[in-house]
Amino acid sequence: MLQELLEPTPLPPSVRKNRIAIGSEVYNEVLNFLYDEAEMLDNLRLGKWAELLTKDLEYNAPLRHTRPTAHFAQTYSRNVQHLHENYGSMMMRVKRITDTKSAWGEDPPSRVKRMVSNVRVYTTDKPKELKVDSYLLVTRSRFDFDYFDLIPCERHDILRREGDSLMLARREILLDQVVIGTPNLGIIL
C-alpha cells in the first residue's frame, strides 16, 4: 500500500506527451525549487534568490486586456509590459532593495506570502531545460493596514540545469487583473 502511494501519478491520455509525471523525481525537484524560491522571496533573502538566476535571464509580465470570448487568446499584449527585466536589471532591483535606502516603496518591507500551485512540468527540445507552468497567489500586507492585497497570476518558466542545480532562465508572469489592485510592483513575483 505504501509503495503504491509513493509511485508517480499516471497521466491521463489527454495530457501532452512531454509532460513529466507528478511525483516523479524530476517533478519533485522542480516543486522543491519553486517552494524554496517562494520562501527566499517571502523572507527577503534576495541575494540567495539571485543565485538561482541564469545570466541570460528574461523576466516579463505582459499587460492584460479585457477581450470578448472570441478573442480570448489575445488577452495579453506583449508589446506593453508591467515588467521587462533581464539579469542586469534584476540584479539592480535586488541591490536597490537590499543595499540602498532608495527603495522607499518597500521600506518598511511588505509582508508577503507566495502560494505556488497547479505545477505542471514538461521536457523541452533542449535536454538541460524544463518548461514549468504554475499558478501563484501572492498575499501582501503593508504597514498597519487591516487588509491585504491579492495578486493572482500564472507563471510560465524555463528552468535550466547547471551542474547539479536548477536555475531560472525565463519567467513570464500572466497577471489575472487588468488593473493591478496593489500600489506598486516593488515585490518580485
N, C-alpha and C. Protein backbone atom coordinates (compact mmCIF):
# COMPACT_ATOMS: atom_id res chain seq x y z
N MET A 1 0.82 -1.20 0.00
CA MET A 1 0.00 0.00 0.00
C MET A 1 0.86 1.26 0.00
N LEU A 2 1.86 1.33 0.91
CA LEU A 2 2.73 2.50 0.98
C LEU A 2 3.48 2.69 -0.33
N GLN A 3 3.95 1.58 -0.93
CA GLN A 3 4.68 1.67 -2.19
C GLN A 3 3.79 2.27 -3.28
N GLU A 4 2.50 1.92 -3.29
CA GLU A 4 1.58 2.48 -4.28
C GLU A 4 1.45 3.99 -4.12
N LEU A 5 1.46 4.47 -2.87
CA LEU A 5 1.36 5.90 -2.61
C LEU A 5 2.59 6.65 -3.08
N LEU A 6 3.73 5.98 -3.12
CA LEU A 6 4.98 6.64 -3.50
C LEU A 6 5.22 6.62 -5.00
N GLU A 7 4.43 5.87 -5.75
CA GLU A 7 4.59 5.81 -7.20
C GLU A 7 4.10 7.10 -7.84
N PRO A 8 4.76 7.57 -8.91
CA PRO A 8 4.28 8.76 -9.60
C PRO A 8 2.85 8.55 -10.12
N THR A 9 2.07 9.60 -10.09
CA THR A 9 0.69 9.55 -10.58
C THR A 9 0.70 9.41 -12.10
N PRO A 10 0.02 8.38 -12.64
CA PRO A 10 -0.01 8.26 -14.11
C PRO A 10 -0.79 9.42 -14.73
N LEU A 11 -0.37 9.82 -15.90
CA LEU A 11 -1.01 10.95 -16.58
C LEU A 11 -2.19 10.47 -17.41
N PRO A 12 -3.25 11.27 -17.47
CA PRO A 12 -4.36 10.91 -18.36
C PRO A 12 -3.91 11.01 -19.81
N PRO A 13 -4.55 10.26 -20.72
CA PRO A 13 -4.11 10.25 -22.12
C PRO A 13 -4.20 11.60 -22.81
N SER A 14 -5.03 12.51 -22.31
CA SER A 14 -5.21 13.80 -22.98
C SER A 14 -4.04 14.76 -22.74
N VAL A 15 -3.17 14.45 -21.79
CA VAL A 15 -2.08 15.36 -21.44
C VAL A 15 -0.95 15.24 -22.46
N ARG A 16 -0.29 16.36 -22.72
CA ARG A 16 0.81 16.36 -23.68
C ARG A 16 1.82 15.27 -23.36
N LYS A 17 2.38 14.68 -24.39
CA LYS A 17 3.30 13.55 -24.22
C LYS A 17 4.57 13.94 -23.47
N ASN A 18 4.98 15.17 -23.53
CA ASN A 18 6.24 15.56 -22.89
C ASN A 18 6.05 16.04 -21.46
N ARG A 19 4.87 15.82 -20.90
CA ARG A 19 4.64 16.22 -19.51
C ARG A 19 5.27 15.20 -18.57
N ILE A 20 5.92 15.72 -17.53
CA ILE A 20 6.58 14.87 -16.53
C ILE A 20 5.56 14.53 -15.45
N ALA A 21 5.55 13.27 -15.05
CA ALA A 21 4.55 12.77 -14.11
C ALA A 21 4.70 13.41 -12.73
N ILE A 22 3.54 13.73 -12.13
CA ILE A 22 3.51 14.21 -10.75
C ILE A 22 4.07 13.12 -9.86
N GLY A 23 4.94 13.49 -8.93
CA GLY A 23 5.53 12.52 -8.01
C GLY A 23 6.84 11.93 -8.49
N SER A 24 7.20 12.19 -9.75
CA SER A 24 8.48 11.67 -10.25
C SER A 24 9.62 12.46 -9.62
N GLU A 25 10.81 11.95 -9.73
CA GLU A 25 11.98 12.60 -9.14
C GLU A 25 12.19 14.01 -9.70
N VAL A 26 12.06 14.15 -11.01
CA VAL A 26 12.24 15.47 -11.65
C VAL A 26 11.14 16.43 -11.21
N TYR A 27 9.90 15.96 -11.19
CA TYR A 27 8.79 16.81 -10.76
C TYR A 27 9.02 17.30 -9.33
N ASN A 28 9.40 16.40 -8.45
CA ASN A 28 9.64 16.78 -7.05
C ASN A 28 10.79 17.77 -6.93
N GLU A 29 11.82 17.61 -7.75
CA GLU A 29 12.94 18.56 -7.74
C GLU A 29 12.46 19.96 -8.14
N VAL A 30 11.63 20.03 -9.17
CA VAL A 30 11.07 21.32 -9.62
C VAL A 30 10.19 21.91 -8.53
N LEU A 31 9.35 21.09 -7.92
CA LEU A 31 8.47 21.57 -6.85
C LEU A 31 9.29 22.13 -5.69
N ASN A 32 10.35 21.43 -5.31
CA ASN A 32 11.23 21.94 -4.25
C ASN A 32 11.87 23.25 -4.65
N PHE A 33 12.28 23.38 -5.91
CA PHE A 33 12.86 24.64 -6.40
C PHE A 33 11.86 25.78 -6.22
N LEU A 34 10.61 25.58 -6.66
CA LEU A 34 9.59 26.63 -6.58
C LEU A 34 9.25 26.98 -5.13
N TYR A 35 9.15 25.97 -4.27
CA TYR A 35 8.85 26.23 -2.86
C TYR A 35 10.00 26.96 -2.18
N ASP A 36 11.24 26.53 -2.47
CA ASP A 36 12.40 27.20 -1.87
C ASP A 36 12.51 28.64 -2.37
N GLU A 37 12.23 28.85 -3.66
CA GLU A 37 12.25 30.20 -4.22
C GLU A 37 11.23 31.08 -3.52
N ALA A 38 10.02 30.58 -3.34
CA ALA A 38 8.97 31.36 -2.66
C ALA A 38 9.39 31.72 -1.24
N GLU A 39 9.98 30.77 -0.54
CA GLU A 39 10.42 31.02 0.84
C GLU A 39 11.52 32.08 0.88
N MET A 40 12.46 32.02 -0.05
CA MET A 40 13.53 33.03 -0.10
C MET A 40 12.94 34.42 -0.34
N LEU A 41 12.03 34.53 -1.29
CA LEU A 41 11.44 35.83 -1.60
C LEU A 41 10.57 36.33 -0.45
N ASP A 42 9.79 35.43 0.18
CA ASP A 42 8.95 35.83 1.31
C ASP A 42 9.77 36.39 2.46
N ASN A 43 10.96 35.85 2.65
CA ASN A 43 11.81 36.24 3.78
C ASN A 43 12.93 37.21 3.39
N LEU A 44 12.78 37.84 2.22
CA LEU A 44 13.73 38.85 1.73
C LEU A 44 15.16 38.36 1.66
N ARG A 45 15.33 37.09 1.35
CA ARG A 45 16.67 36.55 1.12
C ARG A 45 16.97 36.69 -0.37
N LEU A 46 16.98 37.95 -0.81
CA LEU A 46 17.07 38.24 -2.24
C LEU A 46 18.43 37.91 -2.82
N GLY A 47 19.48 38.07 -2.04
CA GLY A 47 20.82 37.70 -2.52
C GLY A 47 20.90 36.22 -2.82
N LYS A 48 20.33 35.41 -1.95
CA LYS A 48 20.31 33.96 -2.16
C LYS A 48 19.43 33.62 -3.36
N TRP A 49 18.28 34.30 -3.48
CA TRP A 49 17.39 34.08 -4.61
C TRP A 49 18.11 34.42 -5.92
N ALA A 50 18.88 35.49 -5.93
CA ALA A 50 19.58 35.92 -7.15
C ALA A 50 20.55 34.86 -7.65
N GLU A 51 21.03 34.01 -6.76
CA GLU A 51 21.93 32.93 -7.16
C GLU A 51 21.21 31.87 -8.01
N LEU A 52 19.88 31.90 -8.04
CA LEU A 52 19.10 30.94 -8.82
C LEU A 52 18.87 31.41 -10.26
N LEU A 53 19.35 32.59 -10.62
CA LEU A 53 19.07 33.19 -11.92
C LEU A 53 20.22 32.94 -12.89
N THR A 54 19.88 32.63 -14.15
CA THR A 54 20.91 32.49 -15.17
C THR A 54 21.32 33.88 -15.67
N LYS A 55 22.48 33.96 -16.25
CA LYS A 55 22.99 35.24 -16.74
C LYS A 55 22.21 35.75 -17.95
N ASP A 56 21.50 34.85 -18.64
CA ASP A 56 20.68 35.27 -19.80
C ASP A 56 19.19 35.34 -19.43
N LEU A 57 18.91 35.63 -18.18
CA LEU A 57 17.54 35.69 -17.67
C LEU A 57 16.65 36.62 -18.49
N GLU A 58 15.42 36.18 -18.74
CA GLU A 58 14.34 37.02 -19.27
C GLU A 58 13.18 36.89 -18.29
N TYR A 59 12.67 38.04 -17.82
CA TYR A 59 11.66 38.06 -16.75
C TYR A 59 10.62 39.10 -17.13
N ASN A 60 9.43 38.67 -17.55
CA ASN A 60 8.45 39.58 -18.14
C ASN A 60 7.06 39.40 -17.53
N ALA A 61 6.30 40.48 -17.53
CA ALA A 61 4.89 40.45 -17.13
C ALA A 61 4.12 41.32 -18.11
N PRO A 62 3.54 40.71 -19.17
CA PRO A 62 2.81 41.49 -20.16
C PRO A 62 1.51 42.06 -19.60
N LEU A 63 1.05 43.11 -20.23
CA LEU A 63 -0.19 43.78 -19.84
C LEU A 63 -1.39 42.95 -20.30
N ARG A 64 -2.38 42.85 -19.44
CA ARG A 64 -3.60 42.12 -19.77
C ARG A 64 -4.68 43.09 -20.24
N HIS A 65 -5.48 42.64 -21.19
CA HIS A 65 -6.61 43.41 -21.70
C HIS A 65 -7.87 42.58 -21.56
N THR A 66 -9.00 43.24 -21.39
CA THR A 66 -10.29 42.54 -21.40
C THR A 66 -10.72 42.39 -22.84
N ARG A 67 -11.00 41.17 -23.24
CA ARG A 67 -11.39 40.88 -24.62
C ARG A 67 -12.65 40.02 -24.62
N PRO A 68 -13.44 40.11 -25.69
CA PRO A 68 -14.59 39.20 -25.82
C PRO A 68 -14.11 37.75 -25.93
N THR A 69 -15.00 36.84 -25.67
CA THR A 69 -14.66 35.41 -25.69
C THR A 69 -14.00 35.01 -27.01
N ALA A 70 -14.48 35.51 -28.11
CA ALA A 70 -13.93 35.15 -29.42
C ALA A 70 -12.47 35.55 -29.57
N HIS A 71 -12.01 36.50 -28.77
CA HIS A 71 -10.63 36.99 -28.86
C HIS A 71 -9.85 36.73 -27.56
N PHE A 72 -10.28 35.72 -26.81
CA PHE A 72 -9.65 35.44 -25.52
C PHE A 72 -8.15 35.15 -25.66
N ALA A 73 -7.75 34.56 -26.76
CA ALA A 73 -6.33 34.24 -26.97
C ALA A 73 -5.47 35.50 -27.06
N GLN A 74 -6.07 36.64 -27.36
CA GLN A 74 -5.33 37.90 -27.43
C GLN A 74 -5.46 38.72 -26.15
N THR A 75 -5.68 38.06 -25.03
CA THR A 75 -5.86 38.75 -23.76
C THR A 75 -4.62 39.53 -23.33
N TYR A 76 -3.44 39.02 -23.64
CA TYR A 76 -2.20 39.65 -23.19
C TYR A 76 -1.49 40.35 -24.34
N SER A 77 -1.00 41.55 -24.05
CA SER A 77 -0.23 42.31 -25.03
C SER A 77 1.24 42.26 -24.62
N ARG A 78 2.04 41.65 -25.44
CA ARG A 78 3.46 41.54 -25.12
C ARG A 78 4.24 42.76 -25.60
N ASN A 79 3.54 43.73 -26.22
CA ASN A 79 4.18 44.98 -26.62
C ASN A 79 4.27 45.96 -25.45
N VAL A 80 3.37 45.81 -24.48
CA VAL A 80 3.35 46.67 -23.29
C VAL A 80 3.45 45.74 -22.09
N GLN A 81 4.37 46.06 -21.17
CA GLN A 81 4.61 45.14 -20.06
C GLN A 81 4.69 45.88 -18.73
N HIS A 82 4.21 45.21 -17.68
CA HIS A 82 4.41 45.71 -16.32
C HIS A 82 5.88 45.56 -15.93
N LEU A 83 6.47 44.46 -16.33
CA LEU A 83 7.87 44.17 -16.05
C LEU A 83 8.53 43.64 -17.31
N HIS A 84 9.73 44.11 -17.57
CA HIS A 84 10.53 43.59 -18.68
C HIS A 84 11.98 43.65 -18.21
N GLU A 85 12.41 42.56 -17.60
CA GLU A 85 13.71 42.54 -16.92
C GLU A 85 14.65 41.54 -17.57
N ASN A 86 15.94 41.78 -17.37
CA ASN A 86 16.96 40.80 -17.71
C ASN A 86 17.82 40.61 -16.46
N TYR A 87 18.89 39.85 -16.58
CA TYR A 87 19.72 39.58 -15.40
C TYR A 87 20.26 40.87 -14.78
N GLY A 88 20.77 41.76 -15.61
CA GLY A 88 21.35 43.01 -15.10
C GLY A 88 20.33 43.88 -14.39
N SER A 89 19.16 44.07 -14.99
CA SER A 89 18.15 44.91 -14.36
C SER A 89 17.58 44.25 -13.10
N MET A 90 17.49 42.92 -13.10
CA MET A 90 17.01 42.23 -11.90
C MET A 90 18.03 42.35 -10.77
N MET A 91 19.30 42.29 -11.10
CA MET A 91 20.34 42.46 -10.07
C MET A 91 20.29 43.88 -9.50
N MET A 92 19.98 44.87 -10.36
CA MET A 92 19.83 46.24 -9.87
C MET A 92 18.65 46.35 -8.92
N ARG A 93 17.54 45.68 -9.23
CA ARG A 93 16.37 45.67 -8.32
C ARG A 93 16.73 45.06 -6.98
N VAL A 94 17.41 43.92 -7.02
CA VAL A 94 17.81 43.23 -5.78
C VAL A 94 18.73 44.13 -4.97
N LYS A 95 19.72 44.72 -5.62
CA LYS A 95 20.68 45.58 -4.92
C LYS A 95 19.98 46.81 -4.34
N ARG A 96 19.06 47.38 -5.09
CA ARG A 96 18.33 48.57 -4.61
C ARG A 96 17.55 48.25 -3.34
N ILE A 97 16.91 47.08 -3.30
CA ILE A 97 16.12 46.70 -2.13
C ILE A 97 17.01 46.35 -0.95
N THR A 98 18.12 45.67 -1.21
CA THR A 98 18.94 45.15 -0.11
C THR A 98 20.07 46.07 0.33
N ASP A 99 20.59 46.90 -0.57
CA ASP A 99 21.82 47.65 -0.26
C ASP A 99 21.69 49.17 -0.30
N THR A 100 20.49 49.70 -0.51
CA THR A 100 20.36 51.16 -0.57
C THR A 100 19.19 51.60 0.30
N LYS A 101 19.08 52.91 0.45
CA LYS A 101 17.94 53.48 1.18
C LYS A 101 16.93 54.10 0.22
N SER A 102 17.09 53.84 -1.08
CA SER A 102 16.22 54.48 -2.06
C SER A 102 15.00 53.64 -2.42
N ALA A 103 14.86 52.46 -1.84
CA ALA A 103 13.69 51.62 -2.14
C ALA A 103 12.55 51.98 -1.19
N TRP A 104 12.17 53.25 -1.18
CA TRP A 104 11.18 53.74 -0.22
C TRP A 104 9.82 53.08 -0.39
N GLY A 105 9.50 52.61 -1.59
CA GLY A 105 8.23 51.92 -1.81
C GLY A 105 8.14 50.60 -1.07
N GLU A 106 9.28 50.07 -0.65
CA GLU A 106 9.31 48.80 0.09
C GLU A 106 10.10 48.94 1.39
N ASP A 107 10.03 50.12 2.02
CA ASP A 107 10.68 50.32 3.31
C ASP A 107 9.74 51.10 4.21
N PRO A 108 9.12 50.49 5.19
CA PRO A 108 9.35 49.11 5.61
C PRO A 108 8.82 48.11 4.57
N PRO A 109 9.41 46.93 4.55
CA PRO A 109 9.03 45.96 3.52
C PRO A 109 7.62 45.42 3.71
N SER A 110 7.01 45.06 2.60
CA SER A 110 5.71 44.38 2.63
C SER A 110 5.88 43.02 3.28
N ARG A 111 4.82 42.56 3.93
CA ARG A 111 4.79 41.18 4.42
C ARG A 111 4.08 40.38 3.34
N VAL A 112 4.81 39.45 2.76
CA VAL A 112 4.34 38.76 1.56
C VAL A 112 4.39 37.25 1.76
N LYS A 113 3.38 36.59 1.25
CA LYS A 113 3.37 35.13 1.17
C LYS A 113 3.03 34.75 -0.25
N ARG A 114 3.82 33.82 -0.80
CA ARG A 114 3.60 33.32 -2.15
C ARG A 114 3.14 31.87 -2.07
N MET A 115 1.97 31.59 -2.61
CA MET A 115 1.45 30.23 -2.64
C MET A 115 1.49 29.71 -4.06
N VAL A 116 2.31 28.70 -4.28
CA VAL A 116 2.51 28.12 -5.60
C VAL A 116 1.63 26.87 -5.71
N SER A 117 0.91 26.75 -6.83
CA SER A 117 0.06 25.56 -7.01
C SER A 117 -0.05 25.21 -8.49
N ASN A 118 -0.78 24.14 -8.78
CA ASN A 118 -1.07 23.70 -10.15
C ASN A 118 0.21 23.62 -10.99
N VAL A 119 1.24 23.03 -10.44
CA VAL A 119 2.54 22.95 -11.11
C VAL A 119 2.51 21.84 -12.15
N ARG A 120 2.85 22.19 -13.40
CA ARG A 120 2.99 21.23 -14.48
C ARG A 120 4.39 21.38 -15.05
N VAL A 121 5.06 20.26 -15.27
CA VAL A 121 6.45 20.26 -15.73
C VAL A 121 6.52 19.49 -17.04
N TYR A 122 7.25 20.05 -18.01
CA TYR A 122 7.37 19.45 -19.33
C TYR A 122 8.84 19.41 -19.75
N THR A 123 9.19 18.38 -20.50
CA THR A 123 10.51 18.36 -21.13
C THR A 123 10.46 19.31 -22.32
N THR A 124 11.63 19.72 -22.79
CA THR A 124 11.72 20.59 -23.96
C THR A 124 12.66 19.94 -24.96
N ASP A 125 12.86 20.60 -26.10
CA ASP A 125 13.80 20.07 -27.08
C ASP A 125 15.25 20.30 -26.66
N LYS A 126 15.46 21.03 -25.57
CA LYS A 126 16.80 21.24 -25.02
C LYS A 126 16.94 20.34 -23.79
N PRO A 127 17.85 19.37 -23.81
CA PRO A 127 17.93 18.37 -22.74
C PRO A 127 18.13 18.94 -21.34
N LYS A 128 18.74 20.10 -21.21
CA LYS A 128 19.00 20.66 -19.87
C LYS A 128 17.93 21.63 -19.41
N GLU A 129 16.85 21.78 -20.20
CA GLU A 129 15.81 22.74 -19.84
C GLU A 129 14.46 22.06 -19.64
N LEU A 130 13.70 22.60 -18.68
CA LEU A 130 12.35 22.15 -18.39
C LEU A 130 11.41 23.34 -18.50
N LYS A 131 10.23 23.11 -19.06
CA LYS A 131 9.18 24.13 -19.08
C LYS A 131 8.30 23.87 -17.87
N VAL A 132 8.06 24.91 -17.08
CA VAL A 132 7.28 24.77 -15.86
C VAL A 132 6.16 25.81 -15.87
N ASP A 133 4.94 25.33 -15.78
CA ASP A 133 3.77 26.21 -15.67
C ASP A 133 3.23 26.08 -14.25
N SER A 134 2.86 27.20 -13.65
CA SER A 134 2.32 27.15 -12.29
C SER A 134 1.40 28.34 -12.06
N TYR A 135 0.59 28.22 -11.03
CA TYR A 135 -0.22 29.34 -10.56
C TYR A 135 0.45 29.89 -9.32
N LEU A 136 0.32 31.19 -9.14
CA LEU A 136 0.88 31.85 -7.97
C LEU A 136 -0.18 32.79 -7.40
N LEU A 137 -0.40 32.69 -6.10
CA LEU A 137 -1.25 33.63 -5.39
C LEU A 137 -0.39 34.32 -4.35
N VAL A 138 -0.27 35.63 -4.49
CA VAL A 138 0.54 36.42 -3.57
C VAL A 138 -0.39 37.21 -2.66
N THR A 139 -0.13 37.12 -1.35
CA THR A 139 -0.81 38.00 -0.39
C THR A 139 0.23 39.01 0.06
N ARG A 140 -0.19 40.26 0.15
CA ARG A 140 0.74 41.33 0.50
C ARG A 140 0.08 42.25 1.52
N SER A 141 0.74 42.40 2.66
CA SER A 141 0.25 43.26 3.73
C SER A 141 1.28 44.37 3.95
N ARG A 142 0.79 45.59 4.15
CA ARG A 142 1.70 46.73 4.33
C ARG A 142 1.31 47.53 5.56
N PHE A 143 2.32 48.08 6.19
CA PHE A 143 2.15 48.98 7.33
C PHE A 143 1.24 48.34 8.38
N ASP A 144 0.30 49.11 8.93
CA ASP A 144 -0.64 48.59 9.93
C ASP A 144 -2.04 48.47 9.35
N PHE A 145 -2.12 48.35 8.02
CA PHE A 145 -3.42 48.26 7.37
C PHE A 145 -4.13 46.97 7.79
N ASP A 146 -5.45 47.02 7.87
CA ASP A 146 -6.22 45.85 8.27
C ASP A 146 -6.71 45.03 7.07
N TYR A 147 -6.11 45.23 5.93
CA TYR A 147 -6.45 44.47 4.73
C TYR A 147 -5.15 44.09 4.03
N PHE A 148 -5.25 43.21 3.08
CA PHE A 148 -4.08 42.86 2.29
C PHE A 148 -4.45 42.79 0.82
N ASP A 149 -3.42 42.92 -0.01
CA ASP A 149 -3.59 42.83 -1.46
C ASP A 149 -3.48 41.37 -1.88
N LEU A 150 -4.23 41.01 -2.89
CA LEU A 150 -4.11 39.70 -3.53
C LEU A 150 -3.61 39.92 -4.94
N ILE A 151 -2.60 39.15 -5.33
CA ILE A 151 -2.07 39.22 -6.69
C ILE A 151 -2.08 37.80 -7.25
N PRO A 152 -3.13 37.43 -7.99
CA PRO A 152 -3.16 36.11 -8.61
C PRO A 152 -2.54 36.16 -10.00
N CYS A 153 -1.79 35.12 -10.34
CA CYS A 153 -1.17 35.08 -11.66
C CYS A 153 -0.82 33.65 -12.05
N GLU A 154 -0.48 33.52 -13.30
CA GLU A 154 0.03 32.27 -13.85
C GLU A 154 1.47 32.55 -14.28
N ARG A 155 2.35 31.57 -14.06
CA ARG A 155 3.75 31.76 -14.46
C ARG A 155 4.15 30.66 -15.44
N HIS A 156 4.91 31.07 -16.44
CA HIS A 156 5.49 30.14 -17.41
C HIS A 156 7.00 30.31 -17.32
N ASP A 157 7.66 29.28 -16.81
CA ASP A 157 9.10 29.35 -16.55
C ASP A 157 9.86 28.38 -17.44
N ILE A 158 11.11 28.70 -17.67
CA ILE A 158 12.09 27.75 -18.18
C ILE A 158 13.14 27.61 -17.09
N LEU A 159 13.29 26.39 -16.59
CA LEU A 159 14.34 26.09 -15.62
C LEU A 159 15.44 25.34 -16.36
N ARG A 160 16.67 25.74 -16.12
CA ARG A 160 17.82 25.13 -16.79
C ARG A 160 18.72 24.47 -15.76
N ARG A 161 19.15 23.26 -16.08
CA ARG A 161 20.08 22.57 -15.20
C ARG A 161 21.49 23.08 -15.47
N GLU A 162 22.13 23.56 -14.42
CA GLU A 162 23.53 23.96 -14.49
C GLU A 162 24.24 23.22 -13.37
N GLY A 163 25.07 22.25 -13.74
CA GLY A 163 25.69 21.39 -12.74
C GLY A 163 24.62 20.53 -12.08
N ASP A 164 24.57 20.57 -10.76
CA ASP A 164 23.57 19.79 -10.02
C ASP A 164 22.33 20.61 -9.67
N SER A 165 22.28 21.85 -10.12
CA SER A 165 21.20 22.75 -9.68
C SER A 165 20.29 23.15 -10.84
N LEU A 166 19.06 23.48 -10.48
CA LEU A 166 18.15 24.11 -11.42
C LEU A 166 18.27 25.62 -11.26
N MET A 167 18.20 26.32 -12.39
CA MET A 167 18.31 27.78 -12.40
C MET A 167 17.14 28.34 -13.22
N LEU A 168 16.69 29.53 -12.84
CA LEU A 168 15.61 30.19 -13.56
C LEU A 168 16.19 30.95 -14.75
N ALA A 169 15.79 30.54 -15.96
CA ALA A 169 16.28 31.18 -17.19
C ALA A 169 15.24 32.12 -17.80
N ARG A 170 13.95 31.76 -17.71
CA ARG A 170 12.88 32.57 -18.28
C ARG A 170 11.69 32.53 -17.34
N ARG A 171 11.00 33.65 -17.24
CA ARG A 171 9.73 33.68 -16.50
C ARG A 171 8.82 34.69 -17.17
N GLU A 172 7.64 34.22 -17.53
CA GLU A 172 6.58 35.11 -17.99
C GLU A 172 5.47 35.03 -16.95
N ILE A 173 5.06 36.18 -16.45
CA ILE A 173 4.04 36.28 -15.42
C ILE A 173 2.78 36.83 -16.06
N LEU A 174 1.71 36.06 -16.02
CA LEU A 174 0.43 36.48 -16.60
C LEU A 174 -0.51 36.83 -15.45
N LEU A 175 -0.59 38.12 -15.17
CA LEU A 175 -1.44 38.59 -14.08
C LEU A 175 -2.90 38.44 -14.45
N ASP A 176 -3.72 38.05 -13.47
CA ASP A 176 -5.16 37.88 -13.72
C ASP A 176 -5.86 39.22 -13.87
N GLN A 177 -5.38 40.23 -13.19
CA GLN A 177 -6.06 41.52 -13.15
C GLN A 177 -5.63 42.42 -14.31
N VAL A 178 -6.60 43.12 -14.88
CA VAL A 178 -6.30 44.14 -15.88
C VAL A 178 -5.73 45.37 -15.17
N VAL A 179 -6.37 45.77 -14.09
CA VAL A 179 -5.88 46.85 -13.25
C VAL A 179 -5.36 46.21 -11.97
N ILE A 180 -4.08 46.34 -11.72
CA ILE A 180 -3.48 45.69 -10.56
C ILE A 180 -3.94 46.39 -9.30
N GLY A 181 -4.46 45.62 -8.36
CA GLY A 181 -5.01 46.17 -7.14
C GLY A 181 -4.00 46.35 -6.03
N THR A 182 -2.81 46.73 -6.37
CA THR A 182 -1.76 46.99 -5.38
C THR A 182 -1.03 48.25 -5.81
N PRO A 183 -0.53 49.06 -4.87
CA PRO A 183 0.02 50.36 -5.25
C PRO A 183 1.28 50.30 -6.11
N ASN A 184 2.02 49.21 -6.06
CA ASN A 184 3.22 49.10 -6.89
C ASN A 184 3.60 47.63 -7.03
N LEU A 185 4.52 47.37 -7.94
CA LEU A 185 5.06 46.02 -8.08
C LEU A 185 6.50 46.02 -7.58
N GLY A 186 6.70 46.54 -6.38
CA GLY A 186 8.02 46.58 -5.78
C GLY A 186 8.48 45.23 -5.28
N ILE A 187 7.58 44.26 -5.29
CA ILE A 187 7.94 42.91 -4.88
C ILE A 187 8.26 42.08 -6.11
N ILE A 188 8.92 40.97 -5.91
CA ILE A 188 9.28 40.07 -7.01
C ILE A 188 8.26 38.95 -7.06
N LEU A 189 7.71 38.71 -8.23
CA LEU A 189 6.71 37.66 -8.40
C LEU A 189 7.38 36.37 -8.84
